[in-house]
Amino acid sequence: MPQPALRPFLPTDTPILAAIFTASIAELTGDDYSEAQQEAWASVADDEAAFGKRLAGQLTLIASLQNSPVGFASLKGADHIDLLYVHPSAVLRGVASMLCDALEKLAGARGAKSLTVDASDNAQEFFEKRGYVATRRSTVTVNSEWLANTTMQKTLGVAAPGVAPS
């Protein structure tokens, strides 16, 4: 099975990343969010210019399989994971872990002592397995819909339980 590769975001990637974003929300979050919540959440990518500007304004990495983008993640500032999305066809293939590993290393290189993320309900277990600890439960409003998430934090340089340091 081919291994994912990482590369930096380019503005021409915006349409495919918007498609990954909406497919991920539509197909992976139905157990935790209503259809109306999913539609509101996915609509964030409807304005591709604004979505591309958000990605370009952060350190955004793209994971690809056989040169096709299948996921992306962005680091806001030195210490906050803003976006982490994987296309449903690439779930459980190490894409999210590779993206998160890279962001953790980059955050550490930028001097961050810890990293935070506002994890959706369906992503919370992924981050827990990586050593992130829930610090606060929150809701955000997106297009008149309330979406719950959990702010989680990981101290960098400390391996998750049962995970060898990299």
N, C-alpha and C. Protein backbone atom coordinates (compact mmCIF):
# COMPACT_ATOMS: atom_id res chain seq x y z
N MET A 1 0.85 -1.18 0.00
CA MET A 1 0.00 0.00 0.00
C MET A 1 0.89 1.24 0.00
N PRO A 2 0.62 2.21 -0.86
CA PRO A 2 1.47 3.41 -0.92
C PRO A 2 1.38 4.22 0.38
N GLN A 3 2.50 4.83 0.72
CA GLN A 3 2.57 5.67 1.92
C GLN A 3 2.23 7.11 1.56
N PRO A 4 1.55 7.83 2.47
CA PRO A 4 1.27 9.25 2.20
C PRO A 4 2.55 10.07 2.19
N ALA A 5 2.53 11.12 1.40
CA ALA A 5 3.64 12.07 1.33
C ALA A 5 3.10 13.45 1.73
N LEU A 6 3.97 14.29 2.25
CA LEU A 6 3.58 15.64 2.66
C LEU A 6 4.22 16.68 1.77
N ARG A 7 3.49 17.76 1.58
CA ARG A 7 4.04 18.91 0.87
C ARG A 7 3.32 20.16 1.36
N PRO A 8 3.89 21.34 1.09
CA PRO A 8 3.22 22.58 1.50
C PRO A 8 2.02 22.91 0.61
N PHE A 9 1.13 23.68 1.15
CA PHE A 9 -0.06 24.18 0.45
C PHE A 9 0.34 25.15 -0.65
N LEU A 10 -0.34 25.05 -1.79
CA LEU A 10 -0.23 26.03 -2.87
C LEU A 10 -1.63 26.58 -3.13
N PRO A 11 -1.77 27.84 -3.50
CA PRO A 11 -3.10 28.40 -3.74
C PRO A 11 -3.95 27.59 -4.73
N THR A 12 -3.31 26.94 -5.69
CA THR A 12 -4.07 26.14 -6.66
C THR A 12 -4.69 24.89 -6.04
N ASP A 13 -4.30 24.57 -4.80
CA ASP A 13 -4.86 23.41 -4.10
C ASP A 13 -6.23 23.70 -3.50
N THR A 14 -6.63 24.95 -3.44
CA THR A 14 -7.85 25.32 -2.73
C THR A 14 -9.07 24.51 -3.14
N PRO A 15 -9.38 24.35 -4.43
CA PRO A 15 -10.60 23.60 -4.77
C PRO A 15 -10.60 22.16 -4.27
N ILE A 16 -9.49 21.46 -4.39
CA ILE A 16 -9.45 20.07 -3.93
C ILE A 16 -9.51 19.99 -2.41
N LEU A 17 -8.90 20.94 -1.71
CA LEU A 17 -8.96 20.93 -0.25
C LEU A 17 -10.37 21.27 0.23
N ALA A 18 -11.05 22.15 -0.48
CA ALA A 18 -12.45 22.44 -0.14
C ALA A 18 -13.30 21.18 -0.33
N ALA A 19 -13.02 20.41 -1.37
CA ALA A 19 -13.76 19.17 -1.61
C ALA A 19 -13.45 18.12 -0.53
N ILE A 20 -12.21 18.02 -0.10
CA ILE A 20 -11.84 17.10 0.99
C ILE A 20 -12.55 17.52 2.28
N PHE A 21 -12.54 18.81 2.57
CA PHE A 21 -13.19 19.37 3.75
C PHE A 21 -14.67 18.98 3.78
N THR A 22 -15.39 19.23 2.68
CA THR A 22 -16.83 18.97 2.67
C THR A 22 -17.12 17.47 2.68
N ALA A 23 -16.33 16.66 1.96
CA ALA A 23 -16.55 15.21 1.97
C ALA A 23 -16.30 14.62 3.35
N SER A 24 -15.27 15.10 4.02
CA SER A 24 -14.95 14.63 5.36
C SER A 24 -16.10 14.92 6.33
N ILE A 25 -16.61 16.12 6.27
CA ILE A 25 -17.72 16.49 7.15
C ILE A 25 -18.96 15.67 6.81
N ALA A 26 -19.28 15.56 5.53
CA ALA A 26 -20.50 14.86 5.11
C ALA A 26 -20.46 13.37 5.47
N GLU A 27 -19.31 12.75 5.33
CA GLU A 27 -19.25 11.29 5.48
C GLU A 27 -18.73 10.79 6.82
N LEU A 28 -18.07 11.65 7.59
CA LEU A 28 -17.43 11.16 8.82
C LEU A 28 -18.01 11.71 10.11
N THR A 29 -18.93 12.67 10.03
CA THR A 29 -19.39 13.31 11.27
C THR A 29 -20.86 13.06 11.58
N GLY A 30 -21.53 12.23 10.79
CA GLY A 30 -22.97 12.01 10.95
C GLY A 30 -23.39 11.41 12.27
N ASP A 31 -22.50 10.67 12.94
CA ASP A 31 -22.86 10.09 14.23
C ASP A 31 -22.88 11.14 15.35
N ASP A 32 -22.20 12.26 15.12
CA ASP A 32 -22.04 13.26 16.18
C ASP A 32 -22.76 14.58 15.92
N TYR A 33 -23.11 14.84 14.65
CA TYR A 33 -23.71 16.12 14.30
C TYR A 33 -24.92 15.89 13.39
N SER A 34 -25.91 16.76 13.51
CA SER A 34 -27.12 16.65 12.68
C SER A 34 -26.80 17.06 11.24
N GLU A 35 -27.71 16.74 10.35
CA GLU A 35 -27.53 17.13 8.94
C GLU A 35 -27.42 18.65 8.80
N ALA A 36 -28.24 19.38 9.53
CA ALA A 36 -28.19 20.85 9.48
C ALA A 36 -26.84 21.36 9.99
N GLN A 37 -26.32 20.74 11.04
CA GLN A 37 -25.02 21.15 11.56
C GLN A 37 -23.92 20.84 10.54
N GLN A 38 -23.99 19.67 9.92
CA GLN A 38 -23.00 19.30 8.91
C GLN A 38 -23.03 20.28 7.73
N GLU A 39 -24.22 20.63 7.27
CA GLU A 39 -24.33 21.55 6.14
C GLU A 39 -23.76 22.92 6.49
N ALA A 40 -24.06 23.41 7.70
CA ALA A 40 -23.53 24.71 8.12
C ALA A 40 -22.00 24.66 8.19
N TRP A 41 -21.48 23.60 8.78
CA TRP A 41 -20.04 23.43 8.93
C TRP A 41 -19.37 23.37 7.56
N ALA A 42 -19.88 22.55 6.67
CA ALA A 42 -19.29 22.39 5.34
C ALA A 42 -19.37 23.67 4.52
N SER A 43 -20.36 24.51 4.79
CA SER A 43 -20.53 25.75 4.01
C SER A 43 -19.37 26.72 4.20
N VAL A 44 -18.53 26.49 5.19
CA VAL A 44 -17.35 27.33 5.40
C VAL A 44 -16.48 27.33 4.13
N ALA A 45 -16.50 26.24 3.38
CA ALA A 45 -15.67 26.15 2.17
C ALA A 45 -16.39 26.62 0.92
N ASP A 46 -17.65 27.05 1.04
CA ASP A 46 -18.39 27.51 -0.14
C ASP A 46 -17.72 28.71 -0.81
N ASP A 47 -17.17 29.60 -0.01
CA ASP A 47 -16.43 30.74 -0.54
C ASP A 47 -14.97 30.30 -0.67
N GLU A 48 -14.63 29.74 -1.83
CA GLU A 48 -13.29 29.19 -2.01
C GLU A 48 -12.19 30.23 -1.84
N ALA A 49 -12.45 31.46 -2.23
CA ALA A 49 -11.42 32.50 -2.08
C ALA A 49 -11.11 32.73 -0.60
N ALA A 50 -12.15 32.81 0.22
CA ALA A 50 -11.94 33.01 1.66
C ALA A 50 -11.29 31.77 2.29
N PHE A 51 -11.73 30.60 1.85
CA PHE A 51 -11.17 29.35 2.37
C PHE A 51 -9.67 29.27 2.00
N GLY A 52 -9.34 29.59 0.76
CA GLY A 52 -7.94 29.59 0.33
C GLY A 52 -7.11 30.61 1.08
N LYS A 53 -7.69 31.76 1.36
CA LYS A 53 -6.97 32.80 2.11
C LYS A 53 -6.68 32.32 3.53
N ARG A 54 -7.64 31.62 4.13
CA ARG A 54 -7.44 31.07 5.48
C ARG A 54 -6.29 30.06 5.46
N LEU A 55 -6.29 29.17 4.48
CA LEU A 55 -5.23 28.16 4.37
C LEU A 55 -3.87 28.81 4.11
N ALA A 56 -3.84 29.82 3.26
CA ALA A 56 -2.59 30.50 2.92
C ALA A 56 -2.05 31.31 4.09
N GLY A 57 -2.93 31.75 4.99
CA GLY A 57 -2.52 32.56 6.13
C GLY A 57 -1.96 31.74 7.28
N GLN A 58 -1.96 30.43 7.13
CA GLN A 58 -1.45 29.54 8.17
C GLN A 58 -0.40 28.62 7.55
N LEU A 59 0.28 27.87 8.39
CA LEU A 59 1.20 26.87 7.87
C LEU A 59 0.34 25.65 7.55
N THR A 60 0.07 25.44 6.27
CA THR A 60 -0.83 24.37 5.84
C THR A 60 -0.04 23.31 5.07
N LEU A 61 -0.22 22.06 5.49
CA LEU A 61 0.42 20.92 4.84
C LEU A 61 -0.63 20.06 4.16
N ILE A 62 -0.23 19.45 3.06
CA ILE A 62 -1.12 18.56 2.31
C ILE A 62 -0.51 17.17 2.31
N ALA A 63 -1.35 16.19 2.60
CA ALA A 63 -0.95 14.79 2.49
C ALA A 63 -1.49 14.26 1.17
N SER A 64 -0.65 13.53 0.46
CA SER A 64 -1.10 12.96 -0.81
C SER A 64 -0.76 11.48 -0.86
N LEU A 65 -1.56 10.76 -1.60
CA LEU A 65 -1.30 9.37 -1.93
C LEU A 65 -1.20 9.28 -3.44
N GLN A 66 -0.08 8.77 -3.93
CA GLN A 66 0.16 8.69 -5.37
C GLN A 66 -0.10 10.03 -6.06
N ASN A 67 0.43 11.09 -5.47
CA ASN A 67 0.36 12.47 -5.96
C ASN A 67 -1.03 13.09 -5.95
N SER A 68 -2.01 12.46 -5.32
CA SER A 68 -3.35 13.04 -5.21
C SER A 68 -3.59 13.46 -3.76
N PRO A 69 -3.94 14.72 -3.52
CA PRO A 69 -4.22 15.16 -2.16
C PRO A 69 -5.37 14.36 -1.54
N VAL A 70 -5.15 13.91 -0.30
CA VAL A 70 -6.17 13.15 0.43
C VAL A 70 -6.43 13.71 1.82
N GLY A 71 -5.66 14.72 2.22
CA GLY A 71 -5.86 15.32 3.54
C GLY A 71 -5.03 16.57 3.67
N PHE A 72 -5.36 17.35 4.69
CA PHE A 72 -4.59 18.56 4.96
C PHE A 72 -4.74 18.95 6.42
N ALA A 73 -3.79 19.74 6.88
CA ALA A 73 -3.81 20.24 8.25
C ALA A 73 -3.14 21.60 8.26
N SER A 74 -3.59 22.45 9.20
CA SER A 74 -2.99 23.78 9.28
C SER A 74 -2.67 24.14 10.73
N LEU A 75 -1.57 24.84 10.87
CA LEU A 75 -1.10 25.34 12.16
C LEU A 75 -1.32 26.84 12.19
N LYS A 76 -2.12 27.29 13.14
CA LYS A 76 -2.40 28.72 13.30
C LYS A 76 -1.48 29.25 14.38
N GLY A 77 -0.68 30.25 14.02
CA GLY A 77 0.32 30.74 14.96
C GLY A 77 1.35 29.64 15.20
N ALA A 78 1.91 29.62 16.40
CA ALA A 78 2.92 28.61 16.69
C ALA A 78 2.34 27.41 17.41
N ASP A 79 1.08 27.51 17.90
CA ASP A 79 0.66 26.49 18.85
C ASP A 79 -0.81 26.04 18.78
N HIS A 80 -1.46 26.21 17.63
CA HIS A 80 -2.87 25.80 17.53
C HIS A 80 -3.15 25.10 16.20
N ILE A 81 -3.63 23.85 16.28
CA ILE A 81 -4.07 23.16 15.07
C ILE A 81 -5.44 23.70 14.73
N ASP A 82 -5.54 24.37 13.59
CA ASP A 82 -6.82 24.97 13.19
C ASP A 82 -7.66 23.98 12.40
N LEU A 83 -7.06 23.32 11.42
CA LEU A 83 -7.79 22.40 10.55
C LEU A 83 -7.02 21.10 10.42
N LEU A 84 -7.76 19.98 10.42
CA LEU A 84 -7.18 18.67 10.14
C LEU A 84 -8.30 17.83 9.54
N TYR A 85 -8.21 17.59 8.23
CA TYR A 85 -9.27 16.88 7.51
C TYR A 85 -8.65 15.85 6.57
N VAL A 86 -9.28 14.67 6.53
CA VAL A 86 -8.84 13.59 5.65
C VAL A 86 -10.04 13.13 4.84
N HIS A 87 -9.83 12.90 3.56
CA HIS A 87 -10.90 12.40 2.71
C HIS A 87 -11.34 11.03 3.23
N PRO A 88 -12.64 10.76 3.24
CA PRO A 88 -13.13 9.47 3.76
C PRO A 88 -12.47 8.25 3.13
N SER A 89 -12.08 8.33 1.88
CA SER A 89 -11.44 7.18 1.21
C SER A 89 -10.04 6.90 1.74
N ALA A 90 -9.46 7.84 2.47
CA ALA A 90 -8.09 7.69 2.97
C ALA A 90 -8.02 7.53 4.49
N VAL A 91 -9.18 7.43 5.14
CA VAL A 91 -9.21 7.28 6.60
C VAL A 91 -8.58 5.93 6.98
N LEU A 92 -7.90 5.92 8.12
CA LEU A 92 -7.24 4.73 8.67
C LEU A 92 -6.05 4.26 7.82
N ARG A 93 -5.44 5.20 7.12
CA ARG A 93 -4.24 4.88 6.32
C ARG A 93 -3.03 5.67 6.81
N GLY A 94 -3.13 6.27 8.00
CA GLY A 94 -2.00 6.99 8.59
C GLY A 94 -1.89 8.44 8.15
N VAL A 95 -2.85 8.91 7.39
CA VAL A 95 -2.78 10.28 6.86
C VAL A 95 -2.90 11.30 7.99
N ALA A 96 -3.92 11.18 8.83
CA ALA A 96 -4.11 12.15 9.91
C ALA A 96 -2.93 12.12 10.88
N SER A 97 -2.44 10.92 11.18
CA SER A 97 -1.30 10.81 12.10
C SER A 97 -0.06 11.47 11.51
N MET A 98 0.18 11.27 10.22
CA MET A 98 1.34 11.89 9.57
C MET A 98 1.22 13.42 9.61
N LEU A 99 0.03 13.93 9.31
CA LEU A 99 -0.18 15.37 9.34
C LEU A 99 0.02 15.92 10.76
N CYS A 100 -0.55 15.23 11.74
CA CYS A 100 -0.44 15.69 13.13
C CYS A 100 1.01 15.62 13.61
N ASP A 101 1.72 14.53 13.28
CA ASP A 101 3.14 14.43 13.64
C ASP A 101 3.91 15.63 13.11
N ALA A 102 3.67 15.97 11.86
CA ALA A 102 4.40 17.08 11.23
C ALA A 102 4.07 18.40 11.92
N LEU A 103 2.79 18.64 12.22
CA LEU A 103 2.42 19.90 12.89
C LEU A 103 3.02 19.97 14.29
N GLU A 104 3.05 18.85 14.99
CA GLU A 104 3.64 18.84 16.33
C GLU A 104 5.12 19.18 16.26
N LYS A 105 5.83 18.61 15.29
CA LYS A 105 7.26 18.91 15.14
C LYS A 105 7.48 20.37 14.74
N LEU A 106 6.67 20.86 13.82
CA LEU A 106 6.81 22.25 13.39
C LEU A 106 6.49 23.22 14.53
N ALA A 107 5.46 22.91 15.31
CA ALA A 107 5.11 23.77 16.45
C ALA A 107 6.27 23.81 17.45
N GLY A 108 6.85 22.64 17.72
CA GLY A 108 8.00 22.59 18.62
C GLY A 108 9.17 23.40 18.08
N ALA A 109 9.40 23.31 16.77
CA ALA A 109 10.49 24.06 16.15
C ALA A 109 10.22 25.57 16.21
N ARG A 110 8.95 25.95 16.28
CA ARG A 110 8.58 27.36 16.40
C ARG A 110 8.60 27.84 17.85
N GLY A 111 9.01 26.96 18.75
CA GLY A 111 9.14 27.34 20.14
C GLY A 111 7.93 27.04 21.02
N ALA A 112 6.91 26.40 20.47
CA ALA A 112 5.73 26.10 21.27
C ALA A 112 6.05 25.00 22.28
N LYS A 113 5.59 25.17 23.50
CA LYS A 113 5.76 24.16 24.55
C LYS A 113 4.57 23.20 24.57
N SER A 114 3.44 23.67 24.02
CA SER A 114 2.25 22.82 23.96
C SER A 114 1.48 23.19 22.70
N LEU A 115 0.55 22.33 22.35
CA LEU A 115 -0.26 22.52 21.15
C LEU A 115 -1.72 22.33 21.54
N THR A 116 -2.59 23.18 21.02
CA THR A 116 -4.02 23.06 21.30
C THR A 116 -4.77 22.78 20.00
N VAL A 117 -5.97 22.23 20.17
CA VAL A 117 -6.87 21.97 19.06
C VAL A 117 -8.29 22.04 19.59
N ASP A 118 -9.20 22.58 18.79
CA ASP A 118 -10.62 22.53 19.11
C ASP A 118 -11.18 21.35 18.34
N ALA A 119 -11.19 20.19 18.98
CA ALA A 119 -11.52 18.93 18.30
C ALA A 119 -13.03 18.73 18.20
N SER A 120 -13.48 18.38 16.99
CA SER A 120 -14.88 18.00 16.82
C SER A 120 -15.12 16.72 17.61
N ASP A 121 -16.38 16.42 17.88
CA ASP A 121 -16.70 15.23 18.66
C ASP A 121 -16.16 13.96 18.01
N ASN A 122 -16.19 13.89 16.68
CA ASN A 122 -15.71 12.69 16.01
C ASN A 122 -14.18 12.61 15.98
N ALA A 123 -13.47 13.70 16.24
CA ALA A 123 -12.00 13.69 16.23
C ALA A 123 -11.40 13.58 17.62
N GLN A 124 -12.21 13.69 18.64
CA GLN A 124 -11.68 13.74 20.01
C GLN A 124 -10.88 12.48 20.36
N GLU A 125 -11.36 11.31 20.01
CA GLU A 125 -10.65 10.07 20.33
C GLU A 125 -9.29 10.01 19.64
N PHE A 126 -9.22 10.47 18.39
CA PHE A 126 -7.94 10.51 17.67
C PHE A 126 -6.91 11.32 18.46
N PHE A 127 -7.32 12.50 18.92
CA PHE A 127 -6.38 13.36 19.65
C PHE A 127 -6.05 12.78 21.02
N GLU A 128 -7.02 12.18 21.70
CA GLU A 128 -6.75 11.54 23.00
C GLU A 128 -5.66 10.48 22.86
N LYS A 129 -5.73 9.67 21.81
CA LYS A 129 -4.74 8.61 21.59
C LYS A 129 -3.36 9.19 21.35
N ARG A 130 -3.29 10.44 20.93
CA ARG A 130 -2.02 11.11 20.68
C ARG A 130 -1.50 11.86 21.90
N GLY A 131 -2.21 11.76 23.03
CA GLY A 131 -1.75 12.40 24.25
C GLY A 131 -2.35 13.77 24.54
N TYR A 132 -3.36 14.17 23.76
CA TYR A 132 -4.04 15.43 24.02
C TYR A 132 -5.05 15.22 25.15
N VAL A 133 -5.18 16.23 25.99
CA VAL A 133 -6.08 16.17 27.15
C VAL A 133 -7.15 17.25 26.99
N ALA A 134 -8.39 16.85 27.24
CA ALA A 134 -9.49 17.81 27.15
C ALA A 134 -9.36 18.86 28.25
N THR A 135 -9.50 20.13 27.87
CA THR A 135 -9.42 21.21 28.85
C THR A 135 -10.72 21.98 28.98
N ARG A 136 -11.55 21.95 27.92
CA ARG A 136 -12.80 22.74 27.97
C ARG A 136 -13.74 22.27 26.87
N ARG A 137 -15.00 22.25 27.20
CA ARG A 137 -16.06 21.94 26.23
C ARG A 137 -16.60 23.27 25.74
N SER A 138 -16.81 23.40 24.43
CA SER A 138 -17.26 24.67 23.85
C SER A 138 -18.31 24.43 22.78
N THR A 139 -18.95 25.51 22.39
CA THR A 139 -19.79 25.49 21.20
C THR A 139 -19.43 26.71 20.37
N VAL A 140 -19.53 26.53 19.06
CA VAL A 140 -19.32 27.64 18.14
C VAL A 140 -20.56 27.72 17.25
N THR A 141 -20.84 28.92 16.77
CA THR A 141 -21.97 29.10 15.87
C THR A 141 -21.43 29.25 14.46
N VAL A 142 -21.94 28.42 13.55
CA VAL A 142 -21.59 28.51 12.14
C VAL A 142 -22.89 28.56 11.36
N ASN A 143 -23.11 29.68 10.68
CA ASN A 143 -24.34 29.86 9.90
C ASN A 143 -25.60 29.49 10.68
N SER A 144 -25.73 30.03 11.86
CA SER A 144 -26.88 29.86 12.75
C SER A 144 -27.02 28.48 13.37
N GLU A 145 -26.04 27.61 13.19
CA GLU A 145 -26.06 26.28 13.82
C GLU A 145 -24.98 26.22 14.91
N TRP A 146 -25.35 25.61 16.03
CA TRP A 146 -24.40 25.43 17.13
C TRP A 146 -23.66 24.12 16.91
N LEU A 147 -22.33 24.16 16.99
CA LEU A 147 -21.49 22.97 16.86
C LEU A 147 -20.65 22.82 18.13
N ALA A 148 -20.74 21.66 18.75
CA ALA A 148 -19.96 21.40 19.95
C ALA A 148 -18.56 20.93 19.56
N ASN A 149 -17.58 21.31 20.39
CA ASN A 149 -16.23 20.79 20.23
C ASN A 149 -15.56 20.78 21.59
N THR A 150 -14.38 20.22 21.64
CA THR A 150 -13.62 20.14 22.89
C THR A 150 -12.24 20.70 22.65
N THR A 151 -11.86 21.69 23.42
CA THR A 151 -10.50 22.21 23.35
C THR A 151 -9.60 21.21 24.06
N MET A 152 -8.55 20.80 23.37
CA MET A 152 -7.62 19.81 23.91
C MET A 152 -6.21 20.37 23.81
N GLN A 153 -5.35 19.90 24.70
CA GLN A 153 -3.98 20.40 24.73
C GLN A 153 -3.01 19.25 24.93
N LYS A 154 -1.86 19.36 24.29
CA LYS A 154 -0.79 18.39 24.44
C LYS A 154 0.49 19.13 24.73
N THR A 155 1.22 18.67 25.77
CA THR A 155 2.53 19.21 26.03
C THR A 155 3.48 18.56 25.05
N LEU A 156 4.20 19.39 24.30
CA LEU A 156 5.11 18.87 23.28
C LEU A 156 6.37 18.28 23.94
N GLY A 157 6.91 17.28 23.27
CA GLY A 157 8.10 16.61 23.80
C GLY A 157 7.76 15.48 24.75
N VAL A 158 6.45 15.23 24.96
CA VAL A 158 6.00 14.15 25.82
C VAL A 158 5.22 13.17 24.95
N ALA A 159 5.64 11.92 24.95
CA ALA A 159 4.97 10.90 24.13
C ALA A 159 3.63 10.55 24.73
N ALA A 160 2.69 10.22 23.87
CA ALA A 160 1.39 9.72 24.33
C ALA A 160 1.62 8.36 24.99
N PRO A 161 0.74 7.96 25.93
CA PRO A 161 0.90 6.65 26.56
C PRO A 161 0.97 5.55 25.52
N GLY A 162 1.98 4.70 25.64
CA GLY A 162 2.11 3.58 24.72
C GLY A 162 2.69 3.94 23.35
N VAL A 163 3.10 5.20 23.18
CA VAL A 163 3.64 5.66 21.89
C VAL A 163 5.11 6.06 22.11
N ALA A 164 5.99 5.48 21.33
CA ALA A 164 7.41 5.82 21.45
C ALA A 164 7.64 7.25 20.96
N PRO A 165 8.48 8.03 21.64
CA PRO A 165 8.75 9.39 21.17
C PRO A 165 9.38 9.34 19.78
N SER A 166 9.07 10.34 18.97
CA SER A 166 9.63 10.36 17.61
C SER A 166 10.82 11.28 17.53
